[in-house]
């Protein structure tokens, strides 16, 4: 595997960063994950805009332009001979003396890693995944702005550990007001009374790029969409549930285990379990999303061909 590190491509065995890098020491950095279909990085401009927004919000100078990053991405894909992949861009504050002051770092560390994309099992889309309502809450946006896609993921990791303890794939996190927020790596949607519902940005969630596409597709196909504040009970009374992110696209959820119920009522011996069907709206939106991908790839193919040369 070859890695793009700062300004050059190196073999993974040679890709090293300092133990004094503030990304390693303090989680001081940002990232984006992007899926590549048939040699085209999907929604690349949107991901880069969000990367630069995250950088701006933490006062980090990436020291690269959109064009330079695009060229670096396709050079890295070409070096690894990958056309169907997922890639991660990571930018840290860089190497510096121990201390929280960003001025201790002379310049950022910039990394692009690519991996072959392995399709999720078809059974996941057919039968749905298992998720939990985690006892771990989402960071409040007044503490860490939810618009920042940062390296600070410890609460997400703790929620993921809890999900694994219940043999579940994803953990749905609540915000400090006990409203639904998002998953550890995904946005959540549910259908109630034929309305597609999803937590609003004000709930302290990341404005997922896949989320925005799904909302737009739903509206275009005559589905009423409601963004707002929703409780666990709203979710439990839904007819179908799904989660979204760059790699999963639109993934149905068939079981939710409410771990939060045991926190609220110590007399509950085991968490409540709710079952859902993989519904028609979930299936339709997945189909429409994949058609959207095909159209995007077709449109961008000529542009990216130049970058591959």
Protein backbone atom coordinates (compact mmCIF):
# COMPACT_ATOMS: atom_id res chain seq x y z
CA UNK A 1 0.00 0.00 0.00
CA UNK A 2 1.16 3.51 -0.83
CA UNK A 3 0.36 6.57 1.28
CA UNK A 4 0.39 10.24 0.37
CA UNK A 5 2.29 11.91 3.21
CA UNK A 6 2.66 15.68 3.15
CA UNK A 7 3.97 16.24 -0.39
CA UNK A 8 4.89 12.80 -1.70
CA UNK A 9 3.76 9.21 -2.07
CA UNK A 10 5.60 6.69 0.06
CA UNK A 11 5.17 3.01 0.81
CA UNK A 12 3.12 2.32 3.94
CA UNK A 13 6.21 0.86 5.62
CA UNK A 14 7.88 4.26 5.24
CA UNK A 15 4.86 6.38 6.20
CA UNK A 16 5.80 7.74 9.61
CA UNK A 17 4.77 10.74 11.67
CA UNK A 18 6.45 12.12 14.77
CA UNK A 19 5.39 11.13 18.29
CA UNK A 20 5.23 14.89 18.81
CA UNK A 21 2.52 15.31 16.19
CA UNK A 22 -0.39 17.09 17.86
CA UNK A 23 -2.86 14.84 16.07
CA UNK A 24 -1.33 11.94 17.98
CA UNK A 25 -0.87 13.84 21.24
CA UNK A 26 -4.19 15.68 21.43
CA UNK A 27 -6.45 14.56 18.58
CA UNK A 28 -5.86 18.02 17.09
CA UNK A 29 -6.91 17.51 13.50
CA UNK A 30 -9.64 16.84 10.98
CA UNK A 31 -10.53 14.22 8.39
CA UNK A 32 -12.84 13.23 5.55
CA UNK A 33 -13.77 9.80 4.21
CA UNK A 34 -14.70 9.54 0.53
CA UNK A 35 -15.90 6.63 -1.57
CA UNK A 36 -14.46 6.06 -5.04
CA UNK A 37 -16.65 4.48 -7.73
CA UNK A 38 -15.05 3.36 -11.01
CA UNK A 39 -12.16 5.76 -10.59
CA UNK A 40 -14.27 8.76 -9.54
CA UNK A 41 -14.20 10.19 -6.02
CA UNK A 42 -17.90 10.70 -5.26
CA UNK A 43 -18.99 14.22 -4.24
CA UNK A 44 -15.34 15.23 -3.98
CA UNK A 45 -15.95 18.98 -4.04
CA UNK A 46 -18.50 18.69 -1.24
CA UNK A 47 -16.11 16.67 0.90
CA UNK A 48 -13.27 19.12 0.31
CA UNK A 49 -15.50 22.08 1.16
CA UNK A 50 -16.35 20.39 4.45
CA UNK A 51 -12.67 19.60 5.07
CA UNK A 52 -11.76 23.26 4.63
CA UNK A 53 -14.71 24.32 6.78
CA UNK A 54 -13.50 22.04 9.57
CA UNK A 55 -10.01 23.46 9.19
CA UNK A 56 -11.31 27.02 9.38
CA UNK A 57 -13.32 26.30 12.51
CA UNK A 58 -10.24 25.08 14.38
CA UNK A 59 -7.88 27.67 12.91
CA UNK A 60 -5.87 25.13 10.90
CA UNK A 61 -4.14 26.12 7.67
CA UNK A 62 -4.14 23.08 5.37
CA UNK A 63 -1.57 24.79 3.10
CA UNK A 64 -2.97 23.06 0.01
CA UNK A 65 -5.53 24.10 -2.59
CA UNK A 66 -8.53 22.13 -3.82
CA UNK A 67 -6.68 21.36 -7.05
CA UNK A 68 -3.56 20.17 -5.27
CA UNK A 69 -5.56 17.85 -3.05
CA UNK A 70 -7.51 16.45 -6.01
CA UNK A 71 -4.28 15.69 -7.86
CA UNK A 72 -2.83 14.07 -4.71
CA UNK A 73 -5.95 11.91 -4.33
CA UNK A 74 -5.80 10.55 -7.86
CA UNK A 75 -2.03 10.06 -7.67
CA UNK A 76 -2.56 7.96 -4.57
CA UNK A 77 -5.33 5.93 -6.19
CA UNK A 78 -3.14 5.36 -9.23
CA UNK A 79 -0.14 4.35 -7.10
CA UNK A 80 -2.33 1.68 -5.49
CA UNK A 81 -4.03 0.66 -8.77
CA UNK A 82 -7.47 1.19 -7.21
CA UNK A 83 -10.60 2.36 -8.97
CA UNK A 84 -13.19 1.14 -6.46
CA UNK A 85 -12.01 2.27 -3.08
CA UNK A 86 -12.58 4.36 -0.02
CA UNK A 87 -10.09 7.00 0.92
CA UNK A 88 -9.39 9.06 4.00
CA UNK A 89 -7.83 12.50 4.12
CA UNK A 90 -6.36 13.35 7.52
CA UNK A 91 -4.87 16.73 8.42
CA UNK A 92 -3.34 17.30 11.85
CA UNK A 93 -1.91 20.42 13.44
CA UNK A 94 1.50 18.89 12.85
CA UNK A 95 4.64 18.28 14.85
CA UNK A 96 5.40 20.53 17.78
CA UNK A 97 6.56 20.69 21.36
CA UNK A 98 4.27 19.27 24.04
CA UNK A 99 1.58 21.79 24.89
CA UNK A 100 -1.87 22.80 23.72
CA UNK A 101 -0.86 26.02 21.98
CA UNK A 102 -1.33 25.54 18.19
CA UNK A 103 1.52 27.99 17.61
CA UNK A 104 3.92 25.26 18.81
CA UNK A 105 3.40 23.50 15.47
CA UNK A 106 5.24 24.81 12.42
CA UNK A 107 2.92 23.29 9.83
CA UNK A 108 0.25 20.61 9.31
CA UNK A 109 0.69 16.92 8.63
CA UNK A 110 -1.30 15.91 5.55
CA UNK A 111 -2.13 12.26 4.82
CA UNK A 112 -4.18 10.43 2.18
CA UNK A 113 -4.82 6.70 2.64
CA UNK A 114 -6.75 4.54 0.18
CA UNK A 115 -8.10 1.02 0.54
CA UNK A 116 -9.92 -1.32 -1.77
CA UNK A 117 -13.64 -1.07 -1.14
CA UNK A 118 -15.25 -4.35 -0.23
CA UNK A 119 -19.01 -4.37 -0.69
CA UNK A 120 -21.18 -4.84 2.36
CA UNK A 121 -22.93 -8.24 2.34
CA UNK A 122 -26.16 -8.10 0.36
CA UNK A 123 -27.92 -9.59 3.40
CA UNK A 124 -27.34 -6.30 5.24
CA UNK A 125 -29.45 -4.44 2.70
CA UNK A 126 -32.00 -7.24 2.44
CA UNK A 127 -32.47 -7.95 6.16
CA UNK A 128 -31.18 -4.81 7.87
CA UNK A 129 -28.65 -4.23 10.64
CA UNK A 130 -28.90 -4.31 14.41
CA UNK A 131 -28.27 -1.04 16.30
CA UNK A 132 -28.50 0.20 19.87
CA UNK A 133 -29.56 3.41 21.58
CA UNK A 134 -26.31 4.12 23.38
CA UNK A 135 -25.93 5.34 26.94
CA UNK A 136 -23.01 7.44 25.63
CA UNK A 137 -24.20 10.85 24.50
CA UNK A 138 -23.15 13.04 21.59
CA UNK A 139 -20.79 15.89 22.42
CA UNK A 140 -22.70 19.12 22.92
CA UNK A 141 -22.16 21.52 20.04
CA UNK A 142 -21.23 24.31 22.46
CA UNK A 143 -18.21 22.23 23.50
CA UNK A 144 -17.14 20.86 20.10
CA UNK A 145 -18.87 22.41 17.10
CA UNK A 146 -20.70 19.57 15.33
CA UNK A 147 -19.72 21.08 11.97
CA UNK A 148 -16.13 20.03 12.65
CA UNK A 149 -15.26 16.52 11.46
CA UNK A 150 -12.48 16.18 13.98
CA UNK A 151 -10.15 13.46 15.22
CA UNK A 152 -11.80 13.69 18.66
CA UNK A 153 -13.81 10.46 18.48
CA UNK A 154 -13.51 8.99 21.96
CA UNK A 155 -17.21 9.22 22.82
CA UNK A 156 -18.06 7.58 19.48
CA UNK A 157 -15.59 4.82 20.26
CA UNK A 158 -17.16 4.25 23.67
CA UNK A 159 -20.58 4.02 22.02
CA UNK A 160 -19.19 1.56 19.47
CA UNK A 161 -17.82 -0.60 22.28
CA UNK A 162 -21.28 -0.63 23.83
CA UNK A 163 -22.80 -1.65 20.49
CA UNK A 164 -20.37 -4.54 20.15
CA UNK A 165 -21.27 -5.71 23.64
CA UNK A 166 -24.82 -6.12 22.33
CA UNK A 167 -23.65 -7.73 19.06
CA UNK A 168 -24.83 -4.67 17.14
CA UNK A 169 -23.28 -2.86 14.20
CA UNK A 170 -24.08 0.74 15.07
CA UNK A 171 -24.85 2.87 18.14
CA UNK A 172 -27.36 5.70 17.93
CA UNK A 173 -26.41 8.55 20.23
CA UNK A 174 -28.67 11.05 21.94
CA UNK A 175 -27.78 14.68 22.60
CA UNK A 176 -27.65 16.23 26.05
CA UNK A 177 -31.40 16.96 25.87
CA UNK A 178 -32.15 13.28 25.17
CA UNK A 179 -33.16 13.97 21.56
CA UNK A 180 -31.93 11.66 18.81
CA UNK A 181 -28.65 12.84 17.33
CA UNK A 182 -26.69 10.44 15.10
CA UNK A 183 -24.80 7.20 14.95
CA UNK A 184 -21.09 6.81 15.66
CA UNK A 185 -20.38 6.95 11.91
CA UNK A 186 -23.79 7.64 10.40
CA UNK A 187 -26.88 9.82 10.23
CA UNK A 188 -30.23 8.30 11.14
CA UNK A 189 -33.61 8.42 9.37
CA UNK A 190 -36.95 6.88 10.21
CA UNK A 191 -40.38 6.76 8.60
CA UNK A 192 -43.42 7.63 10.66
CA UNK A 193 -46.91 8.16 9.19
CA UNK A 194 -45.34 8.19 5.71
CA UNK A 195 -43.07 11.12 6.69
CA UNK A 196 -39.31 10.73 6.47
CA UNK A 197 -37.86 12.08 9.72
CA UNK A 198 -34.28 12.89 10.64
CA UNK A 199 -32.65 14.92 13.43
CA UNK A 200 -31.95 18.51 12.46
CA UNK A 201 -28.50 20.09 12.43
CA UNK A 202 -29.50 21.96 15.61
CA UNK A 203 -29.48 18.61 17.45
CA UNK A 204 -25.68 18.68 17.31
CA UNK A 205 -25.09 16.35 14.35
CA UNK A 206 -22.63 16.44 11.49
CA UNK A 207 -24.34 17.54 8.29
CA UNK A 208 -23.64 14.34 6.39
CA UNK A 209 -23.16 14.61 2.64
CA UNK A 210 -25.04 11.35 2.06
CA UNK A 211 -27.74 12.67 4.40
CA UNK A 212 -28.22 15.76 2.23
CA UNK A 213 -28.47 13.66 -0.94
CA UNK A 214 -31.06 11.35 0.63
CA UNK A 215 -33.19 14.29 1.80
CA UNK A 216 -33.08 15.79 -1.69
CA UNK A 217 -33.97 12.47 -3.33
CA UNK A 218 -36.89 11.95 -0.96
CA UNK A 219 -38.34 15.39 -1.72
CA UNK A 220 -37.90 14.89 -5.48
CA UNK A 221 -39.82 11.61 -5.21
CA UNK A 222 -42.79 13.07 -3.37
CA UNK A 223 -41.86 12.02 0.16
CA UNK A 224 -42.48 14.57 2.87
CA UNK A 225 -39.35 15.20 4.95
CA UNK A 226 -39.25 16.53 8.49
CA UNK A 227 -36.02 17.65 10.16
CA UNK A 228 -36.41 18.33 13.86
CA UNK A 229 -36.06 17.18 17.45
CA UNK A 230 -37.17 13.58 17.97
CA UNK A 231 -37.28 11.32 20.99
CA UNK A 232 -36.65 7.62 21.41
CA UNK A 233 -40.42 7.08 21.43
CA UNK A 234 -40.66 8.71 17.99
CA UNK A 235 -38.11 6.21 16.74
CA UNK A 236 -39.77 3.25 18.45
CA UNK A 237 -43.10 4.01 16.77
CA UNK A 238 -41.56 4.27 13.30
CA UNK A 239 -42.44 1.86 10.51
CA UNK A 240 -38.90 1.70 9.11
CA UNK A 241 -35.43 2.94 10.04
CA UNK A 242 -32.21 3.37 8.10
CA UNK A 243 -28.79 4.95 8.51
CA UNK A 244 -26.60 6.70 5.95
CA UNK A 245 -22.96 7.45 5.35
CA UNK A 246 -20.44 7.58 2.51
CA UNK A 247 -19.63 3.88 2.40
CA UNK A 248 -22.93 2.31 3.55
CA UNK A 249 -25.07 4.59 1.33
CA UNK A 250 -28.60 3.81 2.60
CA UNK A 251 -28.53 0.94 5.10
CA UNK A 252 -31.75 -0.40 6.68
CA UNK A 253 -31.98 -1.11 10.41
CA UNK A 254 -34.13 -4.06 11.48
CA UNK A 255 -33.46 -4.18 15.25
CA UNK A 256 -32.85 -1.46 17.84
CA UNK A 257 -31.81 -2.30 21.40
CA UNK A 258 -32.59 0.53 23.79
CA UNK A 259 -29.69 0.48 26.26
CA UNK A 260 -30.84 3.87 27.53
CA UNK A 261 -33.95 2.28 29.07
CA UNK A 262 -31.86 0.59 31.76
CA UNK A 263 -30.26 3.91 32.70
CA UNK A 264 -33.63 5.62 33.08
CA UNK A 265 -35.20 2.77 35.02
CA UNK A 266 -32.85 0.68 37.19
CA UNK A 267 -35.64 -1.86 37.72
CA UNK A 268 -35.50 -2.84 34.03
CA UNK A 269 -33.67 -6.17 33.85
CA UNK A 270 -32.81 -5.99 30.19
CA UNK A 271 -33.03 -3.33 27.48
CA UNK A 272 -36.10 -2.96 25.31
CA UNK A 273 -35.81 -4.44 21.82
CA UNK A 274 -37.74 -3.05 18.83
CA UNK A 275 -38.03 -4.78 15.46
CA UNK A 276 -38.58 -3.14 12.07
CA UNK A 277 -39.26 -4.27 8.54
CA UNK A 278 -37.00 -3.24 5.68
CA UNK A 279 -39.52 -0.88 4.13
CA UNK A 280 -40.35 0.37 0.66
CA UNK A 281 -39.06 3.88 1.29
CA UNK A 282 -35.66 2.60 2.39
CA UNK A 283 -35.45 0.35 -0.67
CA UNK A 284 -36.53 3.12 -3.02
CA UNK A 285 -34.06 5.65 -1.63
CA UNK A 286 -31.19 3.16 -1.85
CA UNK A 287 -32.08 2.50 -5.50
CA UNK A 288 -32.35 6.22 -6.27
CA UNK A 289 -29.10 6.93 -4.47
CA UNK A 290 -27.23 4.36 -6.52
CA UNK A 291 -28.65 5.82 -9.72
CA UNK A 292 -27.43 9.21 -8.51
CA UNK A 293 -23.96 7.73 -8.10
CA UNK A 294 -24.02 6.30 -11.63
CA UNK A 295 -25.03 9.68 -13.05
CA UNK A 296 -22.33 11.50 -11.10
CA UNK A 297 -19.62 9.05 -12.16
CA UNK A 298 -20.68 9.34 -15.80
CA UNK A 299 -20.59 13.13 -15.61
CA UNK A 300 -17.19 13.32 -13.89
CA UNK A 301 -15.46 10.53 -15.80
CA UNK A 302 -13.84 12.79 -18.39
CA UNK A 303 -12.59 15.22 -15.77
CA UNK A 304 -11.03 12.51 -13.64
CA UNK A 305 -9.46 10.78 -16.67
CA UNK A 306 -7.15 13.77 -16.98
CA UNK A 307 -6.12 13.41 -13.34
CA UNK A 308 -5.33 9.72 -13.83
CA UNK A 309 -2.80 10.50 -16.57
